[in-house]
Amino acid sequence: MSLNYNLGRKSQLDARELMLLESEVKNRGKNMVIAYVLWYFLGLFGGHRFYMGKTGSAVAQLVLSITVIGMIVTSVW
């Protein structure tokens, strides 16, 4: 239902408002280059997952990386 509501609202916008909306969505998006840099340097601790908003798996990686066995599992992950 909310999807239809959002589409209805979007169809009521003029071209200038649509351009502003598009640029806002683009600005709020995550940069993949930053995600890969975080993965390279902090991947074992889930830094890239925190950045991408996947906090559940990021916390799991962080907790697992504290132990030696968890470090092995996280490096394979």
C-alpha atoms as a PDB file:
ATOM      1  CA  MET A   1       0.000   0.000   0.000  1.00  0.00           C
ATOM      2  CA  SER A   2       2.782   2.453   0.852  1.00  0.00           C
ATOM      3  CA  LEU A   3       4.437   1.774  -2.510  1.00  0.00           C
ATOM      4  CA  ASN A   4       1.312   2.888  -4.362  1.00  0.00           C
ATOM      5  CA  TYR A   5       1.095   5.936  -2.107  1.00  0.00           C
ATOM      6  CA  ASN A   6       4.735   6.857  -2.796  1.00  0.00           C
ATOM      7  CA  LEU A   7       4.283   6.397  -6.553  1.00  0.00           C
ATOM      8  CA  GLY A   8       1.190   8.583  -6.455  1.00  0.00           C
ATOM      9  CA  ARG A   9       3.052  11.298  -4.583  1.00  0.00           C
ATOM     10  CA  LYS A  10       6.029  11.084  -6.934  1.00  0.00           C
ATOM     11  CA  SER A  11       3.793  11.489  -9.982  1.00  0.00           C
ATOM     12  CA  GLN A  12       2.554  14.809  -8.570  1.00  0.00           C
ATOM     13  CA  LEU A  13       6.039  16.360  -8.561  1.00  0.00           C
ATOM     14  CA  ASP A  14       7.255  18.629 -11.331  1.00  0.00           C
ATOM     15  CA  ALA A  15      10.578  18.160 -13.159  1.00  0.00           C
ATOM     16  CA  ARG A  16      12.566  20.432 -10.812  1.00  0.00           C
ATOM     17  CA  GLU A  17      11.280  18.654  -7.715  1.00  0.00           C
ATOM     18  CA  LEU A  18      12.024  15.256  -9.266  1.00  0.00           C
ATOM     19  CA  MET A  19      15.611  16.340  -9.983  1.00  0.00           C
ATOM     20  CA  LEU A  20      16.029  17.503  -6.385  1.00  0.00           C
ATOM     21  CA  LEU A  21      14.600  14.240  -5.078  1.00  0.00           C
ATOM     22  CA  GLU A  22      16.888  12.213  -7.331  1.00  0.00           C
ATOM     23  CA  SER A  23      19.979  14.129  -6.212  1.00  0.00           C
ATOM     24  CA  GLU A  24      19.031  13.707  -2.533  1.00  0.00           C
ATOM     25  CA  VAL A  25      18.619   9.954  -2.948  1.00  0.00           C
ATOM     26  CA  LYS A  26      21.939   9.781  -4.794  1.00  0.00           C
ATOM     27  CA  ASN A  27      23.712  11.790  -2.059  1.00  0.00           C
ATOM     28  CA  ARG A  28      22.384   9.518   0.672  1.00  0.00           C
ATOM     29  CA  GLY A  29      23.583   6.406  -1.142  1.00  0.00           C
ATOM     30  CA  LYS A  30      26.642   4.552   0.019  1.00  0.00           C
ATOM     31  CA  ASN A  31      29.911   4.857  -1.878  1.00  0.00           C
ATOM     32  CA  MET A  32      31.174   1.431  -2.946  1.00  0.00           C
ATOM     33  CA  VAL A  33      34.806   2.617  -3.073  1.00  0.00           C
ATOM     34  CA  ILE A  34      34.615   3.519   0.619  1.00  0.00           C
ATOM     35  CA  ALA A  35      32.980   0.175   1.369  1.00  0.00           C
ATOM     36  CA  TYR A  36      35.816  -1.681  -0.362  1.00  0.00           C
ATOM     37  CA  VAL A  37      38.476   0.364   1.457  1.00  0.00           C
ATOM     38  CA  LEU A  38      36.785  -0.426   4.767  1.00  0.00           C
ATOM     39  CA  TRP A  39      36.577  -4.082   3.776  1.00  0.00           C
ATOM     40  CA  TYR A  40      40.298  -4.124   2.956  1.00  0.00           C
ATOM     41  CA  PHE A  41      41.424  -2.525   6.218  1.00  0.00           C
ATOM     42  CA  LEU A  42      38.649  -3.430   8.671  1.00  0.00           C
ATOM     43  CA  GLY A  43      36.986  -6.397   6.979  1.00  0.00           C
ATOM     44  CA  LEU A  44      37.893  -8.822   9.733  1.00  0.00           C
ATOM     45  CA  PHE A  45      36.038  -6.638  12.227  1.00  0.00           C
ATOM     46  CA  GLY A  46      33.007  -5.930  10.026  1.00  0.00           C
ATOM     47  CA  GLY A  47      33.777  -2.258   9.344  1.00  0.00           C
ATOM     48  CA  HIS A  48      32.366  -2.420   5.826  1.00  0.00           C
ATOM     49  CA  ARG A  49      29.146  -4.002   7.104  1.00  0.00           C
ATOM     50  CA  PHE A  50      28.650  -1.218   9.649  1.00  0.00           C
ATOM     51  CA  TYR A  51      29.090   1.312   6.838  1.00  0.00           C
ATOM     52  CA  MET A  52      26.560  -0.436   4.581  1.00  0.00           C
ATOM     53  CA  GLY A  53      23.991  -0.548   7.387  1.00  0.00           C
ATOM     54  CA  LYS A  54      24.138  -4.299   7.998  1.00  0.00           C
ATOM     55  CA  THR A  55      24.627  -3.935  11.742  1.00  0.00           C
ATOM     56  CA  GLY A  56      23.459  -7.441  12.669  1.00  0.00           C
ATOM     57  CA  SER A  57      26.116  -9.246  10.673  1.00  0.00           C
ATOM     58  CA  ALA A  58      28.663  -6.518  11.510  1.00  0.00           C
ATOM     59  CA  VAL A  59      28.201  -7.109  15.232  1.00  0.00           C
ATOM     60  CA  ALA A  60      28.436 -10.873  14.647  1.00  0.00           C
ATOM     61  CA  GLN A  61      31.742 -10.410  12.799  1.00  0.00           C
ATOM     62  CA  LEU A  62      33.043  -8.087  15.496  1.00  0.00           C
ATOM     63  CA  VAL A  63      32.178 -10.509  18.293  1.00  0.00           C
ATOM     64  CA  LEU A  64      33.586 -13.477  16.386  1.00  0.00           C
ATOM     65  CA  SER A  65      36.841 -11.692  15.650  1.00  0.00           C
ATOM     66  CA  ILE A  66      37.570 -11.381  19.382  1.00  0.00           C
ATOM     67  CA  THR A  67      38.248 -15.135  19.724  1.00  0.00           C
ATOM     68  CA  VAL A  68      40.848 -17.162  17.841  1.00  0.00           C
ATOM     69  CA  ILE A  69      38.305 -19.654  16.470  1.00  0.00           C
ATOM     70  CA  GLY A  70      35.998 -16.763  15.567  1.00  0.00           C
ATOM     71  CA  MET A  71      38.887 -15.060  13.765  1.00  0.00           C
ATOM     72  CA  ILE A  72      39.261 -18.115  11.515  1.00  0.00           C
ATOM     73  CA  VAL A  73      35.510 -18.192  10.836  1.00  0.00           C
ATOM     74  CA  THR A  74      35.449 -14.450  10.132  1.00  0.00           C
ATOM     75  CA  SER A  75      38.393 -14.642   7.723  1.00  0.00           C
ATOM     76  CA  VAL A  76      36.579 -17.336   5.722  1.00  0.00           C
ATOM     77  CA  TRP A  77      33.342 -15.325   5.901  1.00  0.00           C
END
